Amino acid sequence: QLQACGGGLVQAGGSLRLSCAPSRRIFGIRTMSWYRQAPGKQRELVAVIIGGGGTNYGDSMKGRATISRDNAKNTVYLQMNSLKPEDTAVYYCYAYILVGTWSDYWGQGTLVTVSS
């Protein structure tokens, strides 16, 4: 239900911008967030943005990531700067969406690889 894109291979110190949007028509969207999961590790929160625009960040990328949203496009973005090899992970977007009823939706994940 969510389509994430923007991942890829980047050198340490570089930047990437991820984006995520619903792949079908929706009738409302509230909280949107990004999570990541590195090999052998649990999924962790990277950043969250609520409908009113308030944001919160996980410790892993605090100060290096910025989450934003375009409500007209129902799209959430994650700008990541000063990337480190330990940021290598599959990044997943999440949104609380109204399609008939309010439900949790996850994107398929986009791989970010940071080389040293």
PDB file of N, CA and C in Angstrom:
ATOM      1  N   GLN A   1       0.807  -1.197   0.000  1.00  0.00           N
ATOM      2  CA  GLN A   1       0.000   0.000   0.000  1.00  0.00           C
ATOM      3  C   GLN A   1       0.845   1.253   0.000  1.00  0.00           C
ATOM      4  N   LEU A   2       2.100   1.140   0.463  1.00  0.00           N
ATOM      5  CA  LEU A   2       3.028   2.258   0.469  1.00  0.00           C
ATOM      6  C   LEU A   2       4.213   1.924  -0.427  1.00  0.00           C
ATOM      7  N   GLN A   3       4.603   2.888  -1.226  1.00  0.00           N
ATOM      8  CA  GLN A   3       5.719   2.697  -2.140  1.00  0.00           C
ATOM      9  C   GLN A   3       6.863   3.589  -1.699  1.00  0.00           C
ATOM     10  N   ALA A   4       7.967   2.961  -1.294  1.00  0.00           N
ATOM     11  CA  ALA A   4       9.155   3.698  -0.869  1.00  0.00           C
ATOM     12  C   ALA A   4      10.209   3.651  -1.952  1.00  0.00           C
ATOM     13  N   CYS A   5      10.945   4.742  -2.082  1.00  0.00           N
ATOM     14  CA  CYS A   5      12.027   4.759  -3.062  1.00  0.00           C
ATOM     15  C   CYS A   5      13.103   5.737  -2.601  1.00  0.00           C
ATOM     16  N   GLY A   6      14.229   5.693  -3.262  1.00  0.00           N
ATOM     17  CA  GLY A   6      15.316   6.610  -2.972  1.00  0.00           C
ATOM     18  C   GLY A   6      16.542   5.960  -2.374  1.00  0.00           C
ATOM     19  N   GLY A   7      16.452   4.674  -2.051  1.00  0.00           N
ATOM     20  CA  GLY A   7      17.613   3.998  -1.504  1.00  0.00           C
ATOM     21  C   GLY A   7      18.683   3.780  -2.557  1.00  0.00           C
ATOM     22  N   GLY A   8      19.821   3.320  -2.104  1.00  0.00           N
ATOM     23  CA  GLY A   8      20.915   3.065  -3.032  1.00  0.00           C
ATOM     24  C   GLY A   8      22.233   2.983  -2.316  1.00  0.00           C
ATOM     25  N   LEU A   9      23.297   3.032  -3.097  1.00  0.00           N
ATOM     26  CA  LEU A   9      24.652   2.952  -2.573  1.00  0.00           C
ATOM     27  C   LEU A   9      25.235   4.357  -2.499  1.00  0.00           C
ATOM     28  N   VAL A  10      25.788   4.681  -1.355  1.00  0.00           N
ATOM     29  CA  VAL A  10      26.384   6.002  -1.161  1.00  0.00           C
ATOM     30  C   VAL A  10      27.652   5.852  -0.325  1.00  0.00           C
ATOM     31  N   GLN A  11      28.596   6.717  -0.545  1.00  0.00           N
ATOM     32  CA  GLN A  11      29.818   6.684   0.250  1.00  0.00           C
ATOM     33  C   GLN A  11      29.589   7.337   1.612  1.00  0.00           C
ATOM     34  N   ALA A  12      30.373   6.938   2.574  1.00  0.00           N
ATOM     35  CA  ALA A  12      30.290   7.542   3.902  1.00  0.00           C
ATOM     36  C   ALA A  12      30.461   9.055   3.792  1.00  0.00           C
ATOM     37  N   GLY A  13      29.624   9.753   4.543  1.00  0.00           N
ATOM     38  CA  GLY A  13      29.631  11.209   4.482  1.00  0.00           C
ATOM     39  C   GLY A  13      28.642  11.784   3.486  1.00  0.00           C
ATOM     40  N   GLY A  14      28.094  10.930   2.659  1.00  0.00           N
ATOM     41  CA  GLY A  14      27.155  11.371   1.642  1.00  0.00           C
ATOM     42  C   GLY A  14      25.740  11.517   2.170  1.00  0.00           C
ATOM     43  N   SER A  15      24.835  11.815   1.247  1.00  0.00           N
ATOM     44  CA  SER A  15      23.432  12.055   1.600  1.00  0.00           C
ATOM     45  C   SER A  15      22.511  11.256   0.690  1.00  0.00           C
ATOM     46  N   LEU A  16      21.344  10.975   1.206  1.00  0.00           N
ATOM     47  CA  LEU A  16      20.286  10.353   0.429  1.00  0.00           C
ATOM     48  C   LEU A  16      18.958  10.924   0.888  1.00  0.00           C
ATOM     49  N   ARG A  17      17.998  10.925  -0.031  1.00  0.00           N
ATOM     50  CA  ARG A  17      16.647  11.348   0.319  1.00  0.00           C
ATOM     51  C   ARG A  17      15.683  10.235  -0.064  1.00  0.00           C
ATOM     52  N   LEU A  18      15.000   9.728   0.928  1.00  0.00           N
ATOM     53  CA  LEU A  18      13.998   8.703   0.696  1.00  0.00           C
ATOM     54  C   LEU A  18      12.624   9.347   0.609  1.00  0.00           C
ATOM     55  N   SER A  19      11.750   8.729  -0.148  1.00  0.00           N
ATOM     56  CA  SER A  19      10.374   9.196  -0.214  1.00  0.00           C
ATOM     57  C   SER A  19       9.438   7.999  -0.164  1.00  0.00           C
ATOM     58  N   CYS A  20       8.221   8.253   0.242  1.00  0.00           N
ATOM     59  CA  CYS A  20       7.248   7.170   0.399  1.00  0.00           C
ATOM     60  C   CYS A  20       5.853   7.749   0.238  1.00  0.00           C
ATOM     61  N   ALA A  21       5.040   7.078  -0.540  1.00  0.00           N
ATOM     62  CA  ALA A  21       3.674   7.533  -0.757  1.00  0.00           C
ATOM     63  C   ALA A  21       2.763   6.339  -0.966  1.00  0.00           C
ATOM     64  N   PRO A  22       1.482   6.497  -0.703  1.00  0.00           N
ATOM     65  CA  PRO A  22       0.540   5.402  -0.960  1.00  0.00           C
ATOM     66  C   PRO A  22       0.481   5.078  -2.446  1.00  0.00           C
ATOM     67  N   SER A  23       0.294   3.795  -2.738  1.00  0.00           N
ATOM     68  CA  SER A  23       0.234   3.372  -4.132  1.00  0.00           C
ATOM     69  C   SER A  23      -1.204   3.297  -4.646  1.00  0.00           C
ATOM     70  N   ARG A  24      -2.133   3.677  -3.809  1.00  0.00           N
ATOM     71  CA  ARG A  24      -3.534   3.681  -4.204  1.00  0.00           C
ATOM     72  C   ARG A  24      -4.222   4.881  -3.582  1.00  0.00           C
ATOM     73  N   ARG A  25      -5.452   5.105  -3.966  1.00  0.00           N
ATOM     74  CA  ARG A  25      -6.199   6.234  -3.433  1.00  0.00           C
ATOM     75  C   ARG A  25      -6.494   6.011  -1.955  1.00  0.00           C
ATOM     76  N   ILE A  26      -6.315   7.063  -1.174  1.00  0.00           N
ATOM     77  CA  ILE A  26      -6.617   6.990   0.239  1.00  0.00           C
ATOM     78  C   ILE A  26      -7.522   8.152   0.615  1.00  0.00           C
ATOM     79  N   PHE A  27      -8.075   8.097   1.824  1.00  0.00           N
ATOM     80  CA  PHE A  27      -9.031   9.114   2.247  1.00  0.00           C
ATOM     81  C   PHE A  27      -8.553   9.895   3.462  1.00  0.00           C
ATOM     82  N   GLY A  28      -7.383   9.582   3.952  1.00  0.00           N
ATOM     83  CA  GLY A  28      -6.812  10.311   5.067  1.00  0.00           C
ATOM     84  C   GLY A  28      -5.492   9.681   5.469  1.00  0.00           C
ATOM     85  N   ILE A  29      -4.639  10.478   6.054  1.00  0.00           N
ATOM     86  CA  ILE A  29      -3.353   9.961   6.511  1.00  0.00           C
ATOM     87  C   ILE A  29      -2.922  10.747   7.731  1.00  0.00           C
ATOM     88  N   ARG A  30      -2.479  10.083   8.723  1.00  0.00           N
ATOM     89  CA  ARG A  30      -2.064  10.747   9.960  1.00  0.00           C
ATOM     90  C   ARG A  30      -0.567  10.547  10.173  1.00  0.00           C
ATOM     91  N   THR A  31      -0.184   9.825  11.191  1.00  0.00           N
ATOM     92  CA  THR A  31       1.226   9.635  11.484  1.00  0.00           C
ATOM     93  C   THR A  31       1.936   8.921  10.350  1.00  0.00           C
ATOM     94  N   MET A  32       3.120   9.432  10.016  1.00  0.00           N
ATOM     95  CA  MET A  32       3.983   8.794   9.033  1.00  0.00           C
ATOM     96  C   MET A  32       5.366   8.688   9.658  1.00  0.00           C
ATOM     97  N   SER A  33       6.065   7.626   9.352  1.00  0.00           N
ATOM     98  CA  SER A  33       7.363   7.441   9.978  1.00  0.00           C
ATOM     99  C   SER A  33       8.270   6.579   9.125  1.00  0.00           C
ATOM    100  N   TRP A  34       9.520   6.572   9.507  1.00  0.00           N
ATOM    101  CA  TRP A  34      10.535   5.731   8.894  1.00  0.00           C
ATOM    102  C   TRP A  34      11.167   4.857   9.974  1.00  0.00           C
ATOM    103  N   TYR A  35      11.346   3.605   9.637  1.00  0.00           N
ATOM    104  CA  TYR A  35      12.056   2.650  10.459  1.00  0.00           C
ATOM    105  C   TYR A  35      13.183   2.072   9.613  1.00  0.00           C
ATOM    106  N   ARG A  36      14.100   1.409  10.278  1.00  0.00           N
ATOM    107  CA  ARG A  36      15.145   0.707   9.543  1.00  0.00           C
ATOM    108  C   ARG A  36      15.490  -0.598  10.249  1.00  0.00           C
ATOM    109  N   GLN A  37      15.994  -1.513   9.464  1.00  0.00           N
ATOM    110  CA  GLN A  37      16.418  -2.799  10.008  1.00  0.00           C
ATOM    111  C   GLN A  37      17.712  -3.211   9.346  1.00  0.00           C
ATOM    112  N   ALA A  38      18.746  -3.288  10.147  1.00  0.00           N
ATOM    113  CA  ALA A  38      20.046  -3.739   9.667  1.00  0.00           C
ATOM    114  C   ALA A  38      20.133  -5.255   9.803  1.00  0.00           C
ATOM    115  N   PRO A  39      20.997  -5.911   9.043  1.00  0.00           N
ATOM    116  CA  PRO A  39      21.127  -7.371   9.123  1.00  0.00           C
ATOM    117  C   PRO A  39      21.417  -7.820  10.549  1.00  0.00           C
ATOM    118  N   GLY A  40      20.615  -8.762  11.022  1.00  0.00           N
ATOM    119  CA  GLY A  40      20.840  -9.315  12.344  1.00  0.00           C
ATOM    120  C   GLY A  40      20.360  -8.445  13.491  1.00  0.00           C
ATOM    121  N   LYS A  41      19.708  -7.339  13.162  1.00  0.00           N
ATOM    122  CA  LYS A  41      19.249  -6.436  14.216  1.00  0.00           C
ATOM    123  C   LYS A  41      17.738  -6.248  14.141  1.00  0.00           C
ATOM    124  N   GLN A  42      17.178  -5.735  15.218  1.00  0.00           N
ATOM    125  CA  GLN A  42      15.751  -5.469  15.246  1.00  0.00           C
ATOM    126  C   GLN A  42      15.436  -4.178  14.495  1.00  0.00           C
ATOM    127  N   ARG A  43      14.191  -4.099  14.037  1.00  0.00           N
ATOM    128  CA  ARG A  43      13.745  -2.866  13.385  1.00  0.00           C
ATOM    129  C   ARG A  43      13.714  -1.749  14.424  1.00  0.00           C
ATOM    130  N   GLU A  44      14.192  -0.572  14.025  1.00  0.00           N
ATOM    131  CA  GLU A  44      14.225   0.559  14.951  1.00  0.00           C
ATOM    132  C   GLU A  44      13.650   1.803  14.301  1.00  0.00           C
ATOM    133  N   LEU A  45      13.116   2.662  15.126  1.00  0.00           N
ATOM    134  CA  LEU A  45      12.549   3.916  14.644  1.00  0.00           C
ATOM    135  C   LEU A  45      13.659   4.877  14.242  1.00  0.00           C
ATOM    136  N   VAL A  46      13.486   5.467  13.069  1.00  0.00           N
ATOM    137  CA  VAL A  46      14.406   6.517  12.634  1.00  0.00           C
ATOM    138  C   VAL A  46      13.787   7.877  12.904  1.00  0.00           C
ATOM    139  N   ALA A  47      12.537   8.065  12.449  1.00  0.00           N
ATOM    140  CA  ALA A  47      11.880   9.360  12.622  1.00  0.00           C
ATOM    141  C   ALA A  47      10.384   9.209  12.428  1.00  0.00           C
ATOM    142  N   VAL A  48       9.634  10.087  13.075  1.00  0.00           N
ATOM    143  CA  VAL A  48       8.182  10.073  12.966  1.00  0.00           C
ATOM    144  C   VAL A  48       7.695  11.507  12.814  1.00  0.00           C
ATOM    145  N   ILE A  49       6.641  11.671  12.023  1.00  0.00           N
ATOM    146  CA  ILE A  49       6.015  12.987  11.854  1.00  0.00           C
ATOM    147  C   ILE A  49       4.512  12.805  11.940  1.00  0.00           C
ATOM    148  N   ILE A  50       3.884  13.596  12.793  1.00  0.00           N
ATOM    149  CA  ILE A  50       2.448  13.479  12.979  1.00  0.00           C
ATOM    150  C   ILE A  50       1.723  14.395  11.998  1.00  0.00           C
ATOM    151  N   GLY A  51       0.402  14.308  12.004  1.00  0.00           N
ATOM    152  CA  GLY A  51      -0.362  15.080  11.038  1.00  0.00           C
ATOM    153  C   GLY A  51      -0.162  16.576  11.137  1.00  0.00           C
ATOM    154  N   GLY A  52       0.042  17.057  12.356  1.00  0.00           N
ATOM    155  CA  GLY A  52       0.238  18.486  12.548  1.00  0.00           C
ATOM    156  C   GLY A  52       1.637  18.972  12.226  1.00  0.00           C
ATOM    157  N   GLY A  53       2.527  18.042  11.933  1.00  0.00           N
ATOM    158  CA  GLY A  53       3.891  18.402  11.546  1.00  0.00           C
ATOM    159  C   GLY A  53       4.924  18.206  12.628  1.00  0.00           C
ATOM    160  N   GLY A  54       4.504  17.864  13.842  1.00  0.00           N
ATOM    161  CA  GLY A  54       5.474  17.611  14.888  1.00  0.00           C
ATOM    162  C   GLY A  54       6.317  16.390  14.562  1.00  0.00           C
ATOM    163  N   THR A  55       7.577  16.434  14.960  1.00  0.00           N
ATOM    164  CA  THR A  55       8.504  15.358  14.617  1.00  0.00           C
ATOM    165  C   THR A  55       9.214  14.829  15.854  1.00  0.00           C
ATOM    166  N   ASN A  56       9.702  13.612  15.719  1.00  0.00           N
ATOM    167  CA  ASN A  56      10.538  13.022  16.758  1.00  0.00           C
ATOM    168  C   ASN A  56      11.505  12.080  16.083  1.00  0.00           C
ATOM    169  N   TYR A  57      12.668  11.902  16.662  1.00  0.00           N
ATOM    170  CA  TYR A  57      13.712  11.115  16.031  1.00  0.00           C
ATOM    171  C   TYR A  57      14.258  10.070  16.993  1.00  0.00           C
ATOM    172  N   GLY A  58      14.610   8.927  16.421  1.00  0.00           N
ATOM    173  CA  GLY A  58      15.326   7.935  17.181  1.00  0.00           C
ATOM    174  C   GLY A  58      16.758   8.384  17.380  1.00  0.00           C
ATOM    175  N   ASP A  59      17.421   7.785  18.343  1.00  0.00           N
ATOM    176  CA  ASP A  59      18.779   8.202  18.674  1.00  0.00           C
ATOM    177  C   ASP A  59      19.772   7.940  17.550  1.00  0.00           C
ATOM    178  N   SER A  60      19.498   6.926  16.732  1.00  0.00           N
ATOM    179  CA  SER A  60      20.488   6.476  15.764  1.00  0.00           C
ATOM    180  C   SER A  60      20.854   7.550  14.738  1.00  0.00           C
ATOM    181  N   MET A  61      19.893   8.363  14.325  1.00  0.00           N
ATOM    182  CA  MET A  61      20.184   9.346  13.285  1.00  0.00           C
ATOM    183  C   MET A  61      19.824  10.769  13.699  1.00  0.00           C
ATOM    184  N   LYS A  62      19.622  10.964  14.986  1.00  0.00           N
ATOM    185  CA  LYS A  62      19.263  12.292  15.466  1.00  0.00           C
ATOM    186  C   LYS A  62      20.359  13.296  15.093  1.00  0.00           C
ATOM    187  N   GLY A  63      19.961  14.401  14.489  1.00  0.00           N
ATOM    188  CA  GLY A  63      20.912  15.407  14.063  1.00  0.00           C
ATOM    189  C   GLY A  63      21.426  15.208  12.657  1.00  0.00           C
ATOM    190  N   ARG A  64      21.189  14.033  12.092  1.00  0.00           N
ATOM    191  CA  ARG A  64      21.650  13.752  10.727  1.00  0.00           C
ATOM    192  C   ARG A  64      20.509  13.475   9.759  1.00  0.00           C
ATOM    193  N   ALA A  65      19.305  13.311  10.297  1.00  0.00           N
ATOM    194  CA  ALA A  65      18.150  13.019   9.461  1.00  0.00           C
ATOM    195  C   ALA A  65      17.054  14.054   9.697  1.00  0.00           C
ATOM    196  N   THR A  66      16.303  14.325   8.642  1.00  0.00           N
ATOM    197  CA  THR A  66      15.164  15.226   8.734  1.00  0.00           C
ATOM    198  C   THR A  66      13.974  14.582   8.045  1.00  0.00           C
ATOM    199  N   ILE A  67      12.889  14.443   8.792  1.00  0.00           N
ATOM    200  CA  ILE A  67      11.665  13.899   8.217  1.00  0.00           C
ATOM    201  C   ILE A  67      10.739  15.058   7.884  1.00  0.00           C
ATOM    202  N   SER A  68      10.062  14.944   6.755  1.00  0.00           N
ATOM    203  CA  SER A  68       9.114  15.969   6.340  1.00  0.00           C
ATOM    204  C   SER A  68       7.988  15.297   5.568  1.00  0.00           C
ATOM    205  N   ARG A  69       6.935  16.058   5.333  1.00  0.00           N
ATOM    206  CA  ARG A  69       5.807  15.483   4.607  1.00  0.00           C
ATOM    207  C   ARG A  69       5.180  16.546   3.719  1.00  0.00           C
ATOM    208  N   ASP A  70       4.613  16.072   2.630  1.00  0.00           N
ATOM    209  CA  ASP A  70       3.847  16.919   1.724  1.00  0.00           C
ATOM    210  C   ASP A  70       2.421  16.396   1.779  1.00  0.00           C
ATOM    211  N   ASN A  71       1.571  17.077   2.504  1.00  0.00           N
ATOM    212  CA  ASN A  71       0.215  16.580   2.711  1.00  0.00           C
ATOM    213  C   ASN A  71      -0.595  16.574   1.415  1.00  0.00           C
ATOM    214  N   ALA A  72      -0.281  17.460   0.502  1.00  0.00           N
ATOM    215  CA  ALA A  72      -1.006  17.482  -0.773  1.00  0.00           C
ATOM    216  C   ALA A  72      -0.700  16.240  -1.600  1.00  0.00           C
ATOM    217  N   LYS A  73       0.482  15.695  -1.414  1.00  0.00           N
ATOM    218  CA  LYS A  73       0.893  14.510  -2.167  1.00  0.00           C
ATOM    219  C   LYS A  73       0.864  13.255  -1.305  1.00  0.00           C
ATOM    220  N   ASN A  74       0.465  13.389  -0.039  1.00  0.00           N
ATOM    221  CA  ASN A  74       0.456  12.241   0.879  1.00  0.00           C
ATOM    222  C   ASN A  74       1.817  11.548   0.910  1.00  0.00           C
ATOM    223  N   THR A  75       2.860  12.319   0.853  1.00  0.00           N
ATOM    224  CA  THR A  75       4.213  11.778   0.749  1.00  0.00           C
ATOM    225  C   THR A  75       5.032  12.163   1.963  1.00  0.00           C
ATOM    226  N   VAL A  76       5.821  11.222   2.437  1.00  0.00           N
ATOM    227  CA  VAL A  76       6.759  11.483   3.520  1.00  0.00           C
ATOM    228  C   VAL A  76       8.172  11.331   2.980  1.00  0.00           C
ATOM    229  N   TYR A  77       9.064  12.178   3.455  1.00  0.00           N
ATOM    230  CA  TYR A  77      10.450  12.175   3.014  1.00  0.00           C
ATOM    231  C   TYR A  77      11.368  11.953   4.208  1.00  0.00           C
ATOM    232  N   LEU A  78      12.531  11.403   3.920  1.00  0.00           N
ATOM    233  CA  LEU A  78      13.585  11.308   4.926  1.00  0.00           C
ATOM    234  C   LEU A  78      14.884  11.758   4.277  1.00  0.00           C
ATOM    235  N   GLN A  79      15.354  12.913   4.675  1.00  0.00           N
ATOM    236  CA  GLN A  79      16.641  13.417   4.217  1.00  0.00           C
ATOM    237  C   GLN A  79      17.711  12.955   5.188  1.00  0.00           C
ATOM    238  N   MET A  80      18.679  12.213   4.690  1.00  0.00           N
ATOM    239  CA  MET A  80      19.737  11.676   5.533  1.00  0.00           C
ATOM    240  C   MET A  80      21.073  12.253   5.091  1.00  0.00           C
ATOM    241  N   ASN A  81      21.793  12.822   6.024  1.00  0.00           N
ATOM    242  CA  ASN A  81      23.085  13.437   5.746  1.00  0.00           C
ATOM    243  C   ASN A  81      24.177  12.791   6.584  1.00  0.00           C
ATOM    244  N   SER A  82      25.403  13.043   6.216  1.00  0.00           N
ATOM    245  CA  SER A  82      26.559  12.513   6.954  1.00  0.00           C
ATOM    246  C   SER A  82      26.407  11.023   7.225  1.00  0.00           C
ATOM    247  N   LEU A  83      26.069  10.301   6.194  1.00  0.00           N
ATOM    248  CA  LEU A  83      25.795   8.882   6.348  1.00  0.00           C
ATOM    249  C   LEU A  83      27.051   8.109   6.747  1.00  0.00           C
ATOM    250  N   LYS A  84      26.829   7.087   7.561  1.00  0.00           N
ATOM    251  CA  LYS A  84      27.908   6.248   8.074  1.00  0.00           C
ATOM    252  C   LYS A  84      27.656   4.800   7.630  1.00  0.00           C
ATOM    253  N   PRO A  85      28.700   3.988   7.576  1.00  0.00           N
ATOM    254  CA  PRO A  85      28.487   2.575   7.211  1.00  0.00           C
ATOM    255  C   PRO A  85      27.455   1.887   8.111  1.00  0.00           C
ATOM    256  N   GLU A  86      27.376   2.273   9.357  1.00  0.00           N
ATOM    257  CA  GLU A  86      26.411   1.647  10.258  1.00  0.00           C
ATOM    258  C   GLU A  86      24.980   2.057   9.979  1.00  0.00           C
ATOM    259  N   ASP A  87      24.779   2.987   9.055  1.00  0.00           N
ATOM    260  CA  ASP A  87      23.436   3.334   8.626  1.00  0.00           C
ATOM    261  C   ASP A  87      22.919   2.371   7.558  1.00  0.00           C
ATOM    262  N   THR A  88      23.757   1.471   7.123  1.00  0.00           N
ATOM    263  CA  THR A  88      23.347   0.486   6.133  1.00  0.00           C
ATOM    264  C   THR A  88      22.209  -0.368   6.692  1.00  0.00           C
ATOM    265  N   ALA A  89      21.099  -0.387   5.977  1.00  0.00           N
ATOM    266  CA  ALA A  89      19.908  -1.088   6.451  1.00  0.00           C
ATOM    267  C   ALA A  89      18.831  -1.017   5.380  1.00  0.00           C
ATOM    268  N   VAL A  90      17.787  -1.785   5.590  1.00  0.00           N
ATOM    269  CA  VAL A  90      16.575  -1.615   4.803  1.00  0.00           C
ATOM    270  C   VAL A  90      15.701  -0.618   5.550  1.00  0.00           C
ATOM    271  N   TYR A  91      15.284   0.405   4.852  1.00  0.00           N
ATOM    272  CA  TYR A  91      14.472   1.461   5.447  1.00  0.00           C
ATOM    273  C   TYR A  91      13.010   1.263   5.037  1.00  0.00           C
ATOM    274  N   TYR A  92      12.151   1.265   6.034  1.00  0.00           N
ATOM    275  CA  TYR A  92      10.728   1.036   5.819  1.00  0.00           C
ATOM    276  C   TYR A  92       9.936   2.279   6.202  1.00  0.00           C
ATOM    277  N   CYS A  93       8.957   2.601   5.384  1.00  0.00           N
ATOM    278  CA  CYS A  93       8.055   3.677   5.766  1.00  0.00           C
ATOM    279  C   CYS A  93       6.780   3.071   6.340  1.00  0.00           C
ATOM    280  N   TYR A  94       6.166   3.836   7.191  1.00  0.00           N
ATOM    281  CA  TYR A  94       4.932   3.436   7.859  1.00  0.00           C
ATOM    282  C   TYR A  94       3.982   4.619   7.823  1.00  0.00           C
ATOM    283  N   ALA A  95       2.691   4.319   7.709  1.00  0.00           N
ATOM    284  CA  ALA A  95       1.689   5.378   7.796  1.00  0.00           C
ATOM    285  C   ALA A  95       0.391   4.816   8.349  1.00  0.00           C
ATOM    286  N   TYR A  96      -0.333   5.682   9.033  1.00  0.00           N
ATOM    287  CA  TYR A  96      -1.662   5.351   9.556  1.00  0.00           C
ATOM    288  C   TYR A  96      -2.656   5.984   8.597  1.00  0.00           C
ATOM    289  N   ILE A  97      -3.345   5.120   7.855  1.00  0.00           N
ATOM    290  CA  ILE A  97      -4.075   5.561   6.683  1.00  0.00           C
ATOM    291  C   ILE A  97      -5.545   5.171   6.755  1.00  0.00           C
ATOM    292  N   LEU A  98      -6.372   6.030   6.198  1.00  0.00           N
ATOM    293  CA  LEU A  98      -7.800   5.752   6.093  1.00  0.00           C
ATOM    294  C   LEU A  98      -8.107   5.236   4.692  1.00  0.00           C
ATOM    295  N   VAL A  99      -8.415   3.938   4.638  1.00  0.00           N
ATOM    296  CA  VAL A  99      -8.918   3.317   3.405  1.00  0.00           C
ATOM    297  C   VAL A  99     -10.087   2.449   3.842  1.00  0.00           C
ATOM    298  N   GLY A 100     -11.239   3.043   3.934  1.00  0.00           N
ATOM    299  CA  GLY A 100     -12.365   2.321   4.524  1.00  0.00           C
ATOM    300  C   GLY A 100     -12.348   2.488   6.032  1.00  0.00           C
ATOM    301  N   THR A 101     -11.313   1.968   6.655  1.00  0.00           N
ATOM    302  CA  THR A 101     -11.072   2.155   8.086  1.00  0.00           C
ATOM    303  C   THR A 101      -9.632   2.619   8.286  1.00  0.00           C
ATOM    304  N   TRP A 102      -9.363   3.159   9.463  1.00  0.00           N
ATOM    305  CA  TRP A 102      -7.989   3.570   9.777  1.00  0.00           C
ATOM    306  C   TRP A 102      -7.167   2.324  10.102  1.00  0.00           C
ATOM    307  N   SER A 103      -6.012   2.183   9.428  1.00  0.00           N
ATOM    308  CA  SER A 103      -5.176   1.006   9.615  1.00  0.00           C
ATOM    309  C   SER A 103      -3.703   1.364   9.442  1.00  0.00           C
ATOM    310  N   ASP A 104      -2.850   0.456   9.918  1.00  0.00           N
ATOM    311  CA  ASP A 104      -1.402   0.598   9.761  1.00  0.00           C
ATOM    312  C   ASP A 104      -0.978   0.041   8.407  1.00  0.00           C
ATOM    313  N   TYR A 105      -0.121   0.783   7.738  1.00  0.00           N
ATOM    314  CA  TYR A 105       0.415   0.320   6.456  1.00  0.00           C
ATOM    315  C   TYR A 105       1.933   0.472   6.450  1.00  0.00           C
ATOM    316  N   TRP A 106       2.593  -0.486   5.826  1.00  0.00           N
ATOM    317  CA  TRP A 106       4.049  -0.484   5.714  1.00  0.00           C
ATOM    318  C   TRP A 106       4.453  -0.525   4.247  1.00  0.00           C
ATOM    319  N   GLY A 107       5.548   0.146   3.951  1.00  0.00           N
ATOM    320  CA  GLY A 107       6.133   0.038   2.628  1.00  0.00           C
ATOM    321  C   GLY A 107       6.963  -1.224   2.519  1.00  0.00           C
ATOM    322  N   GLN A 108       7.429  -1.507   1.331  1.00  0.00           N
ATOM    323  CA  GLN A 108       8.156  -2.741   1.065  1.00  0.00           C
ATOM    324  C   GLN A 108       9.616  -2.657   1.480  1.00  0.00           C
ATOM    325  N   GLY A 109      10.071  -1.481   1.810  1.00  0.00           N
ATOM    326  CA  GLY A 109      11.465  -1.318   2.207  1.00  0.00           C
ATOM    327  C   GLY A 109      12.343  -0.909   1.048  1.00  0.00           C
ATOM    328  N   THR A 110      13.292  -0.059   1.349  1.00  0.00           N
ATOM    329  CA  THR A 110      14.274   0.346   0.352  1.00  0.00           C
ATOM    330  C   THR A 110      15.661   0.238   0.983  1.00  0.00           C
ATOM    331  N   LEU A 111      16.583  -0.378   0.273  1.00  0.00           N
ATOM    332  CA  LEU A 111      17.906  -0.672   0.825  1.00  0.00           C
ATOM    333  C   LEU A 111      18.828   0.537   0.691  1.00  0.00           C
ATOM    334  N   VAL A 112      19.431   0.899   1.794  1.00  0.00           N
ATOM    335  CA  VAL A 112      20.462   1.940   1.822  1.00  0.00           C
ATOM    336  C   VAL A 112      21.777   1.265   2.214  1.00  0.00           C
ATOM    337  N   THR A 113      22.768   1.414   1.364  1.00  0.00           N
ATOM    338  CA  THR A 113      24.088   0.848   1.630  1.00  0.00           C
ATOM    339  C   THR A 113      25.100   1.978   1.658  1.00  0.00           C
ATOM    340  N   VAL A 114      25.808   2.086   2.763  1.00  0.00           N
ATOM    341  CA  VAL A 114      26.813   3.138   2.915  1.00  0.00           C
ATOM    342  C   VAL A 114      28.184   2.479   2.941  1.00  0.00           C
ATOM    343  N   SER A 115      28.998   2.824   1.976  1.00  0.00           N
ATOM    344  CA  SER A 115      30.340   2.233   1.885  1.00  0.00           C
ATOM    345  C   SER A 115      31.349   3.116   2.612  1.00  0.00           C
ATOM    346  N   SER A 116      32.359   2.463   3.150  1.00  0.00           N
ATOM    347  CA  SER A 116      33.398   3.216   3.895  1.00  0.00           C
ATOM    348  C   SER A 116      34.512   3.676   2.990  1.00  0.00           C
TER     349      SER A 116
END
